[in-house]
Protein backbone atom coordinates (compact mmCIF):
# COMPACT_ATOMS: atom_id res chain seq x y z
CA UNK A 1 21.18 86.17 -22.37
CA UNK A 2 24.58 84.46 -22.27
CA UNK A 3 23.63 81.28 -20.45
CA UNK A 4 21.34 78.55 -21.63
CA UNK A 5 18.79 77.31 -19.15
CA UNK A 6 17.21 73.88 -18.87
CA UNK A 7 14.30 74.86 -21.11
CA UNK A 8 16.62 75.75 -23.98
CA UNK A 9 18.53 72.46 -23.60
CA UNK A 10 15.28 70.48 -23.69
CA UNK A 11 14.17 72.27 -26.86
CA UNK A 12 17.54 71.57 -28.51
CA UNK A 13 17.40 67.88 -27.52
CA UNK A 14 13.87 67.53 -28.89
CA UNK A 15 14.88 69.14 -32.19
CA UNK A 16 17.93 66.86 -32.49
CA UNK A 17 15.77 63.83 -31.73
CA UNK A 18 13.25 64.86 -34.38
CA UNK A 19 15.94 65.53 -36.98
CA UNK A 20 18.05 62.42 -36.53
CA UNK A 21 15.73 59.92 -34.89
CA UNK A 22 16.38 57.70 -31.89
CA UNK A 23 18.50 55.15 -33.72
CA UNK A 24 21.01 57.64 -35.17
CA UNK A 25 21.80 59.49 -31.93
CA UNK A 26 23.96 56.72 -30.36
CA UNK A 27 25.98 56.53 -33.60
CA UNK A 28 26.48 60.30 -33.56
CA UNK A 29 27.57 60.29 -29.92
CA UNK A 30 29.99 57.42 -30.56
CA UNK A 31 31.60 59.39 -33.39
CA UNK A 32 31.74 62.51 -31.25
CA UNK A 33 33.37 60.58 -28.40
CA UNK A 34 35.97 59.12 -30.75
CA UNK A 35 36.77 62.59 -32.04
CA UNK A 36 37.18 63.99 -28.53
CA UNK A 37 39.43 61.06 -27.55
CA UNK A 38 41.59 61.59 -30.65
CA UNK A 39 41.87 65.30 -29.86
CA UNK A 40 42.94 64.58 -26.27
CA UNK A 41 45.55 62.07 -27.45
CA UNK A 42 46.92 64.56 -29.96
CA UNK A 43 47.11 67.33 -27.38
CA UNK A 44 48.92 65.03 -24.93
CA UNK A 45 51.43 64.17 -27.64
CA UNK A 46 51.97 67.87 -28.33
CA UNK A 47 52.52 68.57 -24.61
CA UNK A 48 55.09 65.78 -24.41
CA UNK A 49 56.89 67.07 -27.51
CA UNK A 50 56.97 70.60 -26.10
CA UNK A 51 58.33 69.47 -22.73
CA UNK A 52 60.95 67.33 -24.51
CA UNK A 53 62.10 70.37 -26.53
CA UNK A 54 62.33 72.45 -23.35
CA UNK A 55 64.50 69.79 -21.71
CA UNK A 56 66.81 69.69 -24.73
CA UNK A 57 67.35 73.46 -24.66
CA UNK A 58 68.42 73.43 -20.99
């Protein structure tokens, strides 16, 4: 019950396509990609700040 098989993914994709239409999906994916990129950049900045603090305490 924990894993989703290919049939479930196909059903989800069809529902999303019906809800948003073919023209909206690329816009949604572009926004999602930008959000993921921003999150990665922020987490890299946090890692650098943490390592800098560790170096200062040594």
